[in-house]
């Protein structure tokens, strides 16, 4: 059975990403944790399908991505666009911030 959310195949990668957060991710997480944003619960490094989202709130189906310079490269722009299309088909809205 394939799971769309928090796929066990991405567990190790998600753990690595949580342990090696950028300063921008740490700053945003300090505001999102403990349901301090309007009582909404966010998760860090949450997987949906084959993709890992920096922060995700299932209640409002909102993903937050913190993009570094590598996202400006052509090959990554296409990958990000396909990823956003996939998530949009799952009724998940993505907000992107530049790091």
N, C-alpha and C. Protein backbone atom coordinates (compact mmCIF):
# COMPACT_ATOMS: atom_id res chain seq x y z
N UNK A 1 0.84 -1.18 0.00
CA UNK A 1 0.00 0.00 0.00
C UNK A 1 0.89 1.25 0.00
N UNK A 2 0.65 2.17 -0.90
CA UNK A 2 1.40 3.42 -0.97
C UNK A 2 0.72 4.49 -0.13
N UNK A 3 1.50 5.15 0.68
CA UNK A 3 0.97 6.23 1.49
C UNK A 3 1.36 7.55 0.85
N UNK A 4 0.39 8.45 0.74
CA UNK A 4 0.66 9.75 0.15
C UNK A 4 1.34 10.66 1.16
N UNK A 5 0.99 10.53 2.43
CA UNK A 5 1.51 11.44 3.45
C UNK A 5 2.53 10.74 4.33
N UNK A 6 3.63 11.44 4.58
CA UNK A 6 4.73 10.95 5.42
C UNK A 6 5.12 9.52 5.10
N UNK A 7 5.46 9.32 3.85
CA UNK A 7 5.90 8.04 3.33
C UNK A 7 7.10 7.53 4.13
N UNK A 8 7.06 6.28 4.54
CA UNK A 8 8.15 5.72 5.35
C UNK A 8 9.46 5.66 4.57
N UNK A 9 9.40 5.65 3.24
CA UNK A 9 10.62 5.60 2.44
C UNK A 9 11.41 6.90 2.54
N UNK A 10 10.77 7.99 2.94
CA UNK A 10 11.48 9.27 3.06
C UNK A 10 11.83 9.61 4.50
N UNK A 11 11.58 8.69 5.42
CA UNK A 11 11.77 8.96 6.85
C UNK A 11 13.20 9.41 7.17
N UNK A 12 14.21 8.69 6.68
CA UNK A 12 15.59 9.05 6.99
C UNK A 12 15.96 10.40 6.41
N UNK A 13 15.53 10.66 5.18
CA UNK A 13 15.84 11.95 4.55
C UNK A 13 15.18 13.09 5.32
N UNK A 14 13.93 12.90 5.74
CA UNK A 14 13.23 13.94 6.51
C UNK A 14 13.94 14.19 7.83
N UNK A 15 14.41 13.13 8.46
CA UNK A 15 15.14 13.28 9.73
C UNK A 15 16.42 14.08 9.51
N UNK A 16 17.15 13.79 8.42
CA UNK A 16 18.37 14.53 8.10
C UNK A 16 18.07 16.01 7.90
N UNK A 17 17.01 16.29 7.17
CA UNK A 17 16.65 17.68 6.90
C UNK A 17 16.28 18.42 8.18
N UNK A 18 15.59 17.76 9.09
CA UNK A 18 15.24 18.39 10.36
C UNK A 18 16.48 18.69 11.19
N UNK A 19 17.45 17.79 11.15
CA UNK A 19 18.68 17.98 11.94
C UNK A 19 19.61 19.02 11.33
N UNK A 20 19.48 19.28 10.05
CA UNK A 20 20.37 20.20 9.35
C UNK A 20 19.61 21.38 8.76
N UNK A 21 18.78 22.01 9.56
CA UNK A 21 17.98 23.14 9.08
C UNK A 21 18.87 24.35 8.77
N UNK A 22 18.43 25.14 7.80
CA UNK A 22 19.10 26.42 7.55
C UNK A 22 18.68 27.40 8.64
N UNK A 23 19.39 28.51 8.73
CA UNK A 23 19.02 29.53 9.72
C UNK A 23 17.62 30.06 9.46
N UNK A 24 17.25 30.20 8.19
CA UNK A 24 15.91 30.69 7.85
C UNK A 24 14.85 29.69 8.31
N UNK A 25 15.09 28.41 8.11
CA UNK A 25 14.14 27.39 8.56
C UNK A 25 14.01 27.39 10.08
N UNK A 26 15.13 27.56 10.77
CA UNK A 26 15.09 27.62 12.24
C UNK A 26 14.26 28.81 12.71
N UNK A 27 14.44 29.95 12.05
CA UNK A 27 13.71 31.16 12.45
C UNK A 27 12.21 30.98 12.23
N UNK A 28 11.83 30.43 11.10
CA UNK A 28 10.40 30.24 10.82
C UNK A 28 9.82 29.18 11.75
N UNK A 29 10.57 28.11 11.99
CA UNK A 29 10.07 27.06 12.86
C UNK A 29 9.83 27.59 14.28
N UNK A 30 10.66 28.52 14.72
CA UNK A 30 10.47 29.08 16.07
C UNK A 30 9.12 29.80 16.18
N UNK A 31 8.58 30.29 15.06
CA UNK A 31 7.27 30.95 15.07
C UNK A 31 6.12 29.96 14.85
N UNK A 32 6.38 28.88 14.15
CA UNK A 32 5.31 27.93 13.81
C UNK A 32 5.10 26.85 14.87
N UNK A 33 6.14 26.54 15.60
CA UNK A 33 6.04 25.43 16.56
C UNK A 33 5.08 25.74 17.69
N UNK A 34 4.66 24.74 18.35
CA UNK A 34 3.75 24.84 19.50
C UNK A 34 2.45 25.56 19.16
N UNK A 35 2.02 25.44 17.94
CA UNK A 35 0.74 26.00 17.49
C UNK A 35 0.61 27.48 17.83
N UNK A 36 1.71 28.21 17.72
CA UNK A 36 1.70 29.63 18.09
C UNK A 36 1.13 30.53 16.99
N UNK A 37 0.85 29.99 15.84
CA UNK A 37 0.28 30.77 14.75
C UNK A 37 -1.21 30.45 14.64
N UNK A 38 -2.03 31.24 15.29
CA UNK A 38 -3.49 31.07 15.25
C UNK A 38 -3.93 29.66 15.67
N UNK A 39 -3.12 29.00 16.48
CA UNK A 39 -3.47 27.67 16.96
C UNK A 39 -3.32 26.57 15.92
N UNK A 40 -2.71 26.87 14.79
CA UNK A 40 -2.53 25.88 13.72
C UNK A 40 -1.29 25.03 13.99
N UNK A 41 -1.40 23.73 13.76
CA UNK A 41 -0.28 22.82 13.97
C UNK A 41 0.45 22.62 12.65
N UNK A 42 1.74 22.92 12.66
CA UNK A 42 2.60 22.71 11.50
C UNK A 42 3.57 21.58 11.80
N UNK A 43 3.96 20.88 10.74
CA UNK A 43 4.97 19.83 10.83
C UNK A 43 6.17 20.25 10.00
N UNK A 44 7.37 19.88 10.46
CA UNK A 44 8.59 20.15 9.69
C UNK A 44 8.90 18.97 8.79
N UNK A 45 9.44 19.27 7.61
CA UNK A 45 9.91 18.25 6.68
C UNK A 45 8.88 17.13 6.53
N UNK A 46 7.74 17.50 6.04
CA UNK A 46 6.60 16.60 5.90
C UNK A 46 6.54 16.12 4.45
N UNK A 47 6.41 14.82 4.25
CA UNK A 47 6.39 14.32 2.87
C UNK A 47 4.96 14.12 2.38
N UNK A 48 4.78 14.50 1.13
CA UNK A 48 3.51 14.28 0.44
C UNK A 48 3.88 13.68 -0.91
N UNK A 49 3.50 12.43 -1.11
CA UNK A 49 3.95 11.73 -2.30
C UNK A 49 5.47 11.63 -2.25
N UNK A 50 6.14 11.89 -3.37
CA UNK A 50 7.60 11.80 -3.39
C UNK A 50 8.29 13.08 -2.91
N UNK A 51 7.52 14.08 -2.51
CA UNK A 51 8.07 15.39 -2.18
C UNK A 51 8.10 15.64 -0.67
N UNK A 52 9.12 16.36 -0.23
CA UNK A 52 9.23 16.75 1.18
C UNK A 52 9.06 18.26 1.25
N UNK A 53 8.09 18.68 2.06
CA UNK A 53 7.78 20.10 2.21
C UNK A 53 8.42 20.59 3.50
N UNK A 54 9.01 21.78 3.48
CA UNK A 54 9.68 22.31 4.68
C UNK A 54 8.73 22.37 5.87
N UNK A 55 7.55 22.96 5.68
CA UNK A 55 6.56 23.06 6.75
C UNK A 55 5.18 22.80 6.16
N UNK A 56 4.33 22.09 6.90
CA UNK A 56 3.01 21.75 6.38
C UNK A 56 1.98 21.77 7.49
N UNK A 57 0.82 22.38 7.19
CA UNK A 57 -0.32 22.40 8.10
C UNK A 57 -1.47 21.65 7.43
N UNK A 58 -1.77 20.43 7.90
CA UNK A 58 -2.84 19.64 7.26
C UNK A 58 -4.22 20.24 7.41
N UNK A 59 -4.47 20.96 8.49
CA UNK A 59 -5.81 21.51 8.73
C UNK A 59 -6.23 22.47 7.62
N UNK A 60 -5.30 23.31 7.16
CA UNK A 60 -5.63 24.27 6.11
C UNK A 60 -4.95 23.92 4.78
N UNK A 61 -4.28 22.75 4.75
CA UNK A 61 -3.63 22.25 3.54
C UNK A 61 -2.67 23.28 2.95
N UNK A 62 -1.79 23.78 3.81
CA UNK A 62 -0.83 24.81 3.44
C UNK A 62 0.59 24.30 3.64
N UNK A 63 1.40 24.43 2.61
CA UNK A 63 2.82 24.10 2.69
C UNK A 63 3.64 25.37 2.58
N UNK A 64 4.72 25.43 3.33
CA UNK A 64 5.63 26.58 3.28
C UNK A 64 6.99 26.05 2.88
N UNK A 65 7.57 26.66 1.86
CA UNK A 65 8.88 26.27 1.36
C UNK A 65 9.84 27.44 1.53
N UNK A 66 11.04 27.14 2.02
CA UNK A 66 12.11 28.13 2.13
C UNK A 66 13.12 27.78 1.05
N UNK A 67 13.20 28.60 0.02
CA UNK A 67 14.04 28.31 -1.13
C UNK A 67 15.36 29.05 -1.05
N UNK A 68 16.46 28.32 -1.24
CA UNK A 68 17.78 28.91 -1.32
C UNK A 68 18.15 29.19 -2.76
N UNK A 69 19.37 29.60 -2.98
CA UNK A 69 19.84 29.98 -4.31
C UNK A 69 19.76 28.87 -5.34
N UNK A 70 19.87 27.62 -4.91
CA UNK A 70 19.83 26.50 -5.86
C UNK A 70 18.49 26.42 -6.58
N UNK A 71 17.45 27.01 -6.01
CA UNK A 71 16.13 26.97 -6.66
C UNK A 71 16.04 27.92 -7.85
N UNK A 72 17.01 28.82 -8.00
CA UNK A 72 17.01 29.75 -9.14
C UNK A 72 17.62 29.11 -10.39
N UNK A 73 18.28 27.98 -10.24
CA UNK A 73 18.88 27.29 -11.38
C UNK A 73 17.78 26.70 -12.26
N UNK A 74 18.00 26.74 -13.57
CA UNK A 74 16.99 26.29 -14.54
C UNK A 74 16.48 24.88 -14.24
N UNK A 75 17.39 23.95 -14.00
CA UNK A 75 16.97 22.56 -13.77
C UNK A 75 16.08 22.45 -12.53
N UNK A 76 16.36 23.26 -11.53
CA UNK A 76 15.56 23.21 -10.31
C UNK A 76 14.24 23.97 -10.45
N UNK A 77 14.21 24.99 -11.31
CA UNK A 77 12.96 25.71 -11.54
C UNK A 77 11.90 24.77 -12.10
N UNK A 78 12.28 23.96 -13.06
CA UNK A 78 11.35 23.00 -13.67
C UNK A 78 10.89 21.97 -12.62
N UNK A 79 11.81 21.48 -11.83
CA UNK A 79 11.47 20.50 -10.79
C UNK A 79 10.51 21.12 -9.77
N UNK A 80 10.78 22.37 -9.37
CA UNK A 80 9.90 23.06 -8.42
C UNK A 80 8.50 23.27 -9.00
N UNK A 81 8.45 23.60 -10.29
CA UNK A 81 7.15 23.81 -10.94
C UNK A 81 6.34 22.51 -10.96
N UNK A 82 6.99 21.40 -11.33
CA UNK A 82 6.30 20.10 -11.35
C UNK A 82 5.85 19.70 -9.95
N UNK A 83 6.68 19.98 -8.99
CA UNK A 83 6.36 19.67 -7.60
C UNK A 83 5.14 20.46 -7.13
N UNK A 84 5.12 21.76 -7.47
CA UNK A 84 3.99 22.61 -7.10
C UNK A 84 2.72 22.14 -7.80
N UNK A 85 2.83 21.72 -9.06
CA UNK A 85 1.66 21.19 -9.78
C UNK A 85 1.13 19.94 -9.10
N UNK A 86 2.02 19.04 -8.71
CA UNK A 86 1.60 17.81 -8.02
C UNK A 86 0.87 18.16 -6.72
N UNK A 87 1.44 19.05 -5.94
CA UNK A 87 0.83 19.42 -4.66
C UNK A 87 -0.49 20.14 -4.86
N UNK A 88 -0.57 20.94 -5.91
CA UNK A 88 -1.82 21.64 -6.22
C UNK A 88 -2.93 20.64 -6.53
N UNK A 89 -2.58 19.57 -7.22
CA UNK A 89 -3.57 18.53 -7.53
C UNK A 89 -4.05 17.82 -6.26
N UNK A 90 -3.28 17.92 -5.20
CA UNK A 90 -3.68 17.35 -3.90
C UNK A 90 -4.41 18.39 -3.05
N UNK A 91 -4.75 19.53 -3.67
CA UNK A 91 -5.41 20.65 -2.98
C UNK A 91 -4.56 21.23 -1.86
N UNK A 92 -3.26 21.30 -2.10
CA UNK A 92 -2.34 21.89 -1.14
C UNK A 92 -1.76 23.15 -1.76
N UNK A 93 -1.88 24.24 -1.05
CA UNK A 93 -1.33 25.51 -1.51
C UNK A 93 0.08 25.66 -0.96
N UNK A 94 0.99 26.12 -1.80
CA UNK A 94 2.38 26.29 -1.39
C UNK A 94 2.73 27.78 -1.40
N UNK A 95 3.34 28.21 -0.31
CA UNK A 95 3.88 29.56 -0.21
C UNK A 95 5.39 29.42 -0.19
N UNK A 96 6.08 30.19 -1.03
CA UNK A 96 7.54 30.12 -1.10
C UNK A 96 8.16 31.42 -0.60
N UNK A 97 9.22 31.27 0.18
CA UNK A 97 10.02 32.40 0.64
C UNK A 97 11.45 32.16 0.20
N UNK A 98 12.12 33.24 -0.20
CA UNK A 98 13.52 33.13 -0.60
C UNK A 98 14.40 33.31 0.62
N UNK A 99 15.40 32.44 0.73
CA UNK A 99 16.34 32.49 1.84
C UNK A 99 17.50 33.39 1.43
